[in-house]
């Protein structure tokens, strides 16, 4: 099992394996073909309130990660993602944020592989 993360604006590659979009909101300016995700699990993304509070501010990332993990603990969509990860040799969590180090996909990968 390998879980990768990749920006939705980066070109899909064969090494991505099974691509899952993990944003609650569809990425701006991208078509379904460009996203090339096998599934869109928007319910696994952070809540609207948490996403707005975070605002992609790196200084808030640690608190965001803690709050997001707490949301994931009670989120039934996580089980669907766990089943996908168990069934696929490689899963790429696709996200739209510009910051490649401070985003929900990074937290989600750590959460799934811990």
N, C-alpha and C. Protein backbone atom coordinates (compact mmCIF):
# COMPACT_ATOMS: atom_id res chain seq x y z
N UNK A 1 0.84 -1.19 0.00
CA UNK A 1 0.00 0.00 0.00
C UNK A 1 0.89 1.24 0.00
N UNK A 2 0.62 2.11 -0.94
CA UNK A 2 1.35 3.37 -1.03
C UNK A 2 0.33 4.48 -1.18
N UNK A 3 0.42 5.50 -0.32
CA UNK A 3 -0.47 6.66 -0.40
C UNK A 3 0.37 7.89 -0.72
N UNK A 4 0.07 8.49 -1.86
CA UNK A 4 0.79 9.68 -2.32
C UNK A 4 -0.14 10.88 -2.26
N UNK A 5 0.43 12.07 -2.34
CA UNK A 5 -0.37 13.29 -2.46
C UNK A 5 0.13 14.07 -3.66
N UNK A 6 -0.81 14.75 -4.34
CA UNK A 6 -0.43 15.48 -5.56
C UNK A 6 -1.43 16.60 -5.80
N UNK A 7 -0.91 17.72 -6.26
CA UNK A 7 -1.79 18.84 -6.62
C UNK A 7 -2.61 18.48 -7.85
N UNK A 8 -3.84 18.90 -7.86
CA UNK A 8 -4.73 18.63 -8.98
C UNK A 8 -4.27 19.36 -10.24
N UNK A 9 -3.45 20.39 -10.07
CA UNK A 9 -2.97 21.17 -11.21
C UNK A 9 -1.71 20.57 -11.84
N UNK A 10 -1.16 19.52 -11.22
CA UNK A 10 -0.04 18.79 -11.80
C UNK A 10 -0.59 17.68 -12.69
N UNK A 11 0.08 17.41 -13.78
CA UNK A 11 -0.40 16.42 -14.75
C UNK A 11 -0.49 15.03 -14.13
N UNK A 12 -1.58 14.32 -14.43
CA UNK A 12 -1.69 12.93 -13.96
C UNK A 12 -0.62 12.06 -14.62
N UNK A 13 -0.16 11.06 -13.87
CA UNK A 13 0.85 10.13 -14.38
C UNK A 13 0.42 8.72 -14.02
N UNK A 14 0.91 7.76 -14.76
CA UNK A 14 0.59 6.36 -14.49
C UNK A 14 0.99 5.93 -13.08
N UNK A 15 2.08 6.51 -12.58
CA UNK A 15 2.56 6.16 -11.23
C UNK A 15 1.62 6.63 -10.13
N UNK A 16 0.64 7.48 -10.48
CA UNK A 16 -0.32 7.96 -9.49
C UNK A 16 -1.23 6.83 -9.00
N UNK A 17 -1.39 5.81 -9.81
CA UNK A 17 -2.31 4.74 -9.42
C UNK A 17 -3.75 5.23 -9.41
N UNK A 18 -4.46 4.91 -8.36
CA UNK A 18 -5.87 5.25 -8.21
C UNK A 18 -5.96 6.64 -7.60
N UNK A 19 -6.46 7.60 -8.36
CA UNK A 19 -6.51 9.00 -7.91
C UNK A 19 -7.86 9.31 -7.25
N UNK A 20 -7.79 9.93 -6.07
CA UNK A 20 -8.98 10.29 -5.32
C UNK A 20 -8.90 11.78 -4.98
N UNK A 21 -9.87 12.55 -5.45
CA UNK A 21 -9.95 13.97 -5.12
C UNK A 21 -10.50 14.09 -3.70
N UNK A 22 -9.76 14.77 -2.82
CA UNK A 22 -10.15 14.85 -1.41
C UNK A 22 -10.47 16.28 -0.97
N UNK A 23 -10.84 17.12 -1.91
CA UNK A 23 -11.30 18.48 -1.61
C UNK A 23 -12.82 18.49 -1.49
N UNK A 24 -13.32 19.29 -0.57
CA UNK A 24 -14.78 19.42 -0.42
C UNK A 24 -15.36 20.24 -1.59
N UNK A 25 -14.54 21.13 -2.15
CA UNK A 25 -14.97 22.00 -3.24
C UNK A 25 -14.21 21.60 -4.51
N UNK A 26 -14.92 21.55 -5.63
CA UNK A 26 -14.27 21.19 -6.91
C UNK A 26 -13.19 22.22 -7.23
N UNK A 27 -12.03 21.79 -7.68
CA UNK A 27 -10.94 22.72 -7.98
C UNK A 27 -11.27 23.68 -9.12
N UNK A 28 -11.01 24.93 -8.86
CA UNK A 28 -11.31 26.00 -9.80
C UNK A 28 -10.61 25.79 -11.13
N UNK A 29 -11.36 25.91 -12.21
CA UNK A 29 -10.80 25.89 -13.55
C UNK A 29 -10.40 24.51 -14.06
N UNK A 30 -10.77 23.45 -13.37
CA UNK A 30 -10.38 22.10 -13.80
C UNK A 30 -11.60 21.32 -14.25
N UNK A 31 -11.45 20.63 -15.37
CA UNK A 31 -12.52 19.75 -15.85
C UNK A 31 -12.35 18.38 -15.21
N UNK A 32 -13.37 17.57 -15.35
CA UNK A 32 -13.32 16.21 -14.83
C UNK A 32 -12.15 15.44 -15.47
N UNK A 33 -11.94 15.65 -16.75
CA UNK A 33 -10.85 14.98 -17.46
C UNK A 33 -9.48 15.44 -16.95
N UNK A 34 -9.33 16.72 -16.66
CA UNK A 34 -8.07 17.23 -16.17
C UNK A 34 -7.75 16.72 -14.76
N UNK A 35 -8.78 16.62 -13.95
CA UNK A 35 -8.59 16.11 -12.58
C UNK A 35 -8.20 14.63 -12.62
N UNK A 36 -8.81 13.90 -13.52
CA UNK A 36 -8.50 12.48 -13.74
C UNK A 36 -8.56 11.66 -12.46
N UNK A 37 -9.55 11.95 -11.63
CA UNK A 37 -9.72 11.20 -10.39
C UNK A 37 -10.74 10.09 -10.61
N UNK A 38 -10.42 8.93 -10.08
CA UNK A 38 -11.36 7.82 -10.16
C UNK A 38 -12.58 8.09 -9.28
N UNK A 39 -12.35 8.83 -8.19
CA UNK A 39 -13.44 9.17 -7.28
C UNK A 39 -13.22 10.55 -6.68
N UNK A 40 -14.33 11.17 -6.29
CA UNK A 40 -14.30 12.44 -5.57
C UNK A 40 -14.96 12.19 -4.22
N UNK A 41 -14.17 12.14 -3.18
CA UNK A 41 -14.69 11.93 -1.83
C UNK A 41 -14.72 13.27 -1.10
N UNK A 42 -15.65 14.12 -1.48
CA UNK A 42 -15.69 15.46 -0.90
C UNK A 42 -15.99 15.43 0.59
N UNK A 43 -16.70 14.40 1.06
CA UNK A 43 -17.05 14.35 2.48
C UNK A 43 -15.87 14.02 3.38
N UNK A 44 -14.75 13.59 2.80
CA UNK A 44 -13.56 13.32 3.59
C UNK A 44 -12.73 14.60 3.79
N UNK A 45 -13.05 15.64 3.05
CA UNK A 45 -12.36 16.92 3.18
C UNK A 45 -12.74 17.62 4.48
N UNK A 46 -11.95 18.60 4.89
CA UNK A 46 -12.29 19.35 6.11
C UNK A 46 -13.62 20.09 5.96
N UNK A 47 -14.29 20.26 7.08
CA UNK A 47 -15.57 20.98 7.06
C UNK A 47 -15.36 22.39 6.52
N UNK A 48 -16.43 22.98 6.03
CA UNK A 48 -16.36 24.33 5.49
C UNK A 48 -15.86 25.31 6.54
N UNK A 49 -16.36 25.19 7.77
CA UNK A 49 -15.93 26.08 8.84
C UNK A 49 -14.44 25.96 9.13
N UNK A 50 -13.93 24.74 9.17
CA UNK A 50 -12.51 24.53 9.44
C UNK A 50 -11.66 25.03 8.27
N UNK A 51 -12.11 24.75 7.08
CA UNK A 51 -11.38 25.19 5.89
C UNK A 51 -11.27 26.72 5.86
N UNK A 52 -12.36 27.39 6.16
CA UNK A 52 -12.35 28.86 6.16
C UNK A 52 -11.48 29.41 7.28
N UNK A 53 -11.55 28.78 8.46
CA UNK A 53 -10.73 29.23 9.58
C UNK A 53 -9.24 29.10 9.23
N UNK A 54 -8.85 27.98 8.65
CA UNK A 54 -7.44 27.73 8.30
C UNK A 54 -6.96 28.74 7.26
N UNK A 55 -7.73 28.92 6.20
CA UNK A 55 -7.37 29.88 5.16
C UNK A 55 -5.99 29.64 4.56
N UNK A 56 -5.48 28.43 4.64
CA UNK A 56 -4.17 28.06 4.11
C UNK A 56 -3.04 28.90 4.71
N UNK A 57 -3.23 29.30 5.97
CA UNK A 57 -2.21 30.05 6.71
C UNK A 57 -1.26 29.04 7.37
N UNK A 58 0.01 28.98 6.91
CA UNK A 58 0.95 28.00 7.47
C UNK A 58 1.09 28.09 8.99
N UNK A 59 0.91 29.29 9.55
CA UNK A 59 1.03 29.45 11.00
C UNK A 59 -0.11 28.75 11.75
N UNK A 60 -1.20 28.49 11.08
CA UNK A 60 -2.34 27.80 11.68
C UNK A 60 -2.35 26.30 11.37
N UNK A 61 -1.33 25.82 10.66
CA UNK A 61 -1.37 24.45 10.16
C UNK A 61 -1.45 23.40 11.27
N UNK A 62 -0.63 23.54 12.31
CA UNK A 62 -0.63 22.53 13.38
C UNK A 62 -2.01 22.43 14.04
N UNK A 63 -2.61 23.58 14.32
CA UNK A 63 -3.96 23.58 14.91
C UNK A 63 -4.99 23.03 13.92
N UNK A 64 -4.84 23.41 12.65
CA UNK A 64 -5.72 22.88 11.61
C UNK A 64 -5.62 21.36 11.56
N UNK A 65 -4.39 20.84 11.56
CA UNK A 65 -4.19 19.39 11.48
C UNK A 65 -4.85 18.68 12.66
N UNK A 66 -4.71 19.23 13.85
CA UNK A 66 -5.33 18.62 15.03
C UNK A 66 -6.85 18.63 14.92
N UNK A 67 -7.41 19.74 14.50
CA UNK A 67 -8.87 19.85 14.35
C UNK A 67 -9.38 18.93 13.24
N UNK A 68 -8.63 18.85 12.16
CA UNK A 68 -9.03 18.01 11.03
C UNK A 68 -9.00 16.53 11.42
N UNK A 69 -7.94 16.12 12.15
CA UNK A 69 -7.88 14.73 12.62
C UNK A 69 -9.07 14.41 13.51
N UNK A 70 -9.48 15.36 14.34
CA UNK A 70 -10.66 15.16 15.20
C UNK A 70 -11.91 14.98 14.34
N UNK A 71 -12.03 15.76 13.27
CA UNK A 71 -13.16 15.58 12.35
C UNK A 71 -13.11 14.21 11.68
N UNK A 72 -11.92 13.78 11.29
CA UNK A 72 -11.78 12.49 10.61
C UNK A 72 -12.17 11.34 11.52
N UNK A 73 -11.89 11.47 12.82
CA UNK A 73 -12.22 10.40 13.77
C UNK A 73 -13.71 10.05 13.75
N UNK A 74 -14.56 11.02 13.51
CA UNK A 74 -15.99 10.76 13.51
C UNK A 74 -16.63 10.77 12.12
N UNK A 75 -15.81 10.67 11.08
CA UNK A 75 -16.29 10.82 9.71
C UNK A 75 -16.44 9.46 9.02
N UNK A 76 -17.68 9.07 8.67
CA UNK A 76 -17.87 7.77 8.01
C UNK A 76 -17.24 7.69 6.62
N UNK A 77 -16.97 8.81 5.97
CA UNK A 77 -16.34 8.79 4.65
C UNK A 77 -14.91 8.26 4.72
N UNK A 78 -14.30 8.33 5.90
CA UNK A 78 -12.94 7.82 6.06
C UNK A 78 -12.90 6.31 5.80
N UNK A 79 -13.94 5.60 6.23
CA UNK A 79 -13.97 4.15 6.02
C UNK A 79 -14.00 3.81 4.54
N UNK A 80 -14.72 4.58 3.76
CA UNK A 80 -14.74 4.37 2.31
C UNK A 80 -13.34 4.55 1.74
N UNK A 81 -12.64 5.59 2.19
CA UNK A 81 -11.28 5.83 1.71
C UNK A 81 -10.34 4.73 2.17
N UNK A 82 -10.51 4.25 3.38
CA UNK A 82 -9.67 3.14 3.88
C UNK A 82 -9.85 1.89 3.01
N UNK A 83 -11.08 1.61 2.60
CA UNK A 83 -11.35 0.46 1.73
C UNK A 83 -10.64 0.63 0.38
N UNK A 84 -10.66 1.84 -0.16
CA UNK A 84 -9.98 2.11 -1.42
C UNK A 84 -8.48 1.88 -1.26
N UNK A 85 -7.91 2.42 -0.20
CA UNK A 85 -6.47 2.28 0.04
C UNK A 85 -6.09 0.81 0.20
N UNK A 86 -6.93 0.04 0.88
CA UNK A 86 -6.65 -1.39 1.09
C UNK A 86 -6.73 -2.18 -0.21
N UNK A 87 -7.56 -1.72 -1.14
CA UNK A 87 -7.79 -2.46 -2.38
C UNK A 87 -6.84 -2.09 -3.52
N UNK A 88 -6.11 -1.00 -3.36
CA UNK A 88 -5.26 -0.51 -4.45
C UNK A 88 -3.79 -0.51 -4.03
N UNK A 89 -2.88 -0.87 -4.94
CA UNK A 89 -1.46 -0.83 -4.57
C UNK A 89 -0.95 0.60 -4.37
N UNK A 90 -1.46 1.55 -5.15
CA UNK A 90 -1.08 2.96 -5.02
C UNK A 90 -2.32 3.83 -5.12
N UNK A 91 -2.47 4.71 -4.15
CA UNK A 91 -3.56 5.69 -4.15
C UNK A 91 -2.93 7.06 -4.04
N UNK A 92 -3.36 7.98 -4.91
CA UNK A 92 -2.90 9.36 -4.83
C UNK A 92 -4.06 10.24 -4.39
N UNK A 93 -3.86 10.94 -3.28
CA UNK A 93 -4.84 11.90 -2.77
C UNK A 93 -4.59 13.21 -3.51
N UNK A 94 -5.56 13.63 -4.28
CA UNK A 94 -5.43 14.82 -5.12
C UNK A 94 -6.12 15.99 -4.43
N UNK A 95 -5.44 17.13 -4.40
CA UNK A 95 -5.94 18.32 -3.71
C UNK A 95 -5.66 19.56 -4.55
N UNK A 96 -6.35 20.66 -4.23
CA UNK A 96 -6.21 21.87 -5.03
C UNK A 96 -5.36 22.97 -4.42
N UNK A 97 -4.97 22.87 -3.17
CA UNK A 97 -4.23 23.94 -2.50
C UNK A 97 -2.90 24.21 -3.19
N UNK A 98 -2.43 25.45 -3.09
CA UNK A 98 -1.14 25.81 -3.68
C UNK A 98 0.03 25.31 -2.83
N UNK A 99 -0.14 25.34 -1.53
CA UNK A 99 0.92 24.96 -0.60
C UNK A 99 1.01 23.43 -0.53
N UNK A 100 2.15 22.89 -0.95
CA UNK A 100 2.31 21.44 -1.03
C UNK A 100 2.63 20.80 0.32
N UNK A 101 2.95 21.60 1.33
CA UNK A 101 3.29 21.06 2.64
C UNK A 101 2.21 21.28 3.69
N UNK A 102 1.38 22.29 3.50
CA UNK A 102 0.36 22.65 4.49
C UNK A 102 -1.03 22.55 3.88
N UNK A 103 -1.54 21.32 3.78
CA UNK A 103 -2.87 21.12 3.21
C UNK A 103 -3.50 19.86 3.80
N UNK A 104 -4.78 19.67 3.55
CA UNK A 104 -5.49 18.55 4.15
C UNK A 104 -5.04 17.20 3.64
N UNK A 105 -4.57 17.12 2.41
CA UNK A 105 -4.13 15.83 1.86
C UNK A 105 -2.92 15.30 2.62
N UNK A 106 -2.03 16.18 3.04
CA UNK A 106 -0.86 15.78 3.83
C UNK A 106 -1.32 15.19 5.16
N UNK A 107 -2.26 15.86 5.81
CA UNK A 107 -2.79 15.38 7.09
C UNK A 107 -3.51 14.06 6.88
N UNK A 108 -4.30 13.98 5.83
CA UNK A 108 -5.07 12.78 5.54
C UNK A 108 -4.16 11.58 5.26
N UNK A 109 -3.09 11.78 4.51
CA UNK A 109 -2.14 10.69 4.25
C UNK A 109 -1.55 10.18 5.56
N UNK A 110 -1.12 11.10 6.43
CA UNK A 110 -0.56 10.71 7.73
C UNK A 110 -1.60 9.95 8.55
N UNK A 111 -2.83 10.42 8.50
CA UNK A 111 -3.92 9.80 9.26
C UNK A 111 -4.17 8.36 8.78
N UNK A 112 -4.15 8.17 7.49
CA UNK A 112 -4.42 6.84 6.91
C UNK A 112 -3.28 5.86 7.12
N UNK A 113 -2.06 6.36 7.17
CA UNK A 113 -0.90 5.47 7.22
C UNK A 113 -0.32 5.33 8.64
N UNK A 114 -0.91 5.99 9.60
CA UNK A 114 -0.41 5.91 10.98
C UNK A 114 -0.73 4.57 11.62
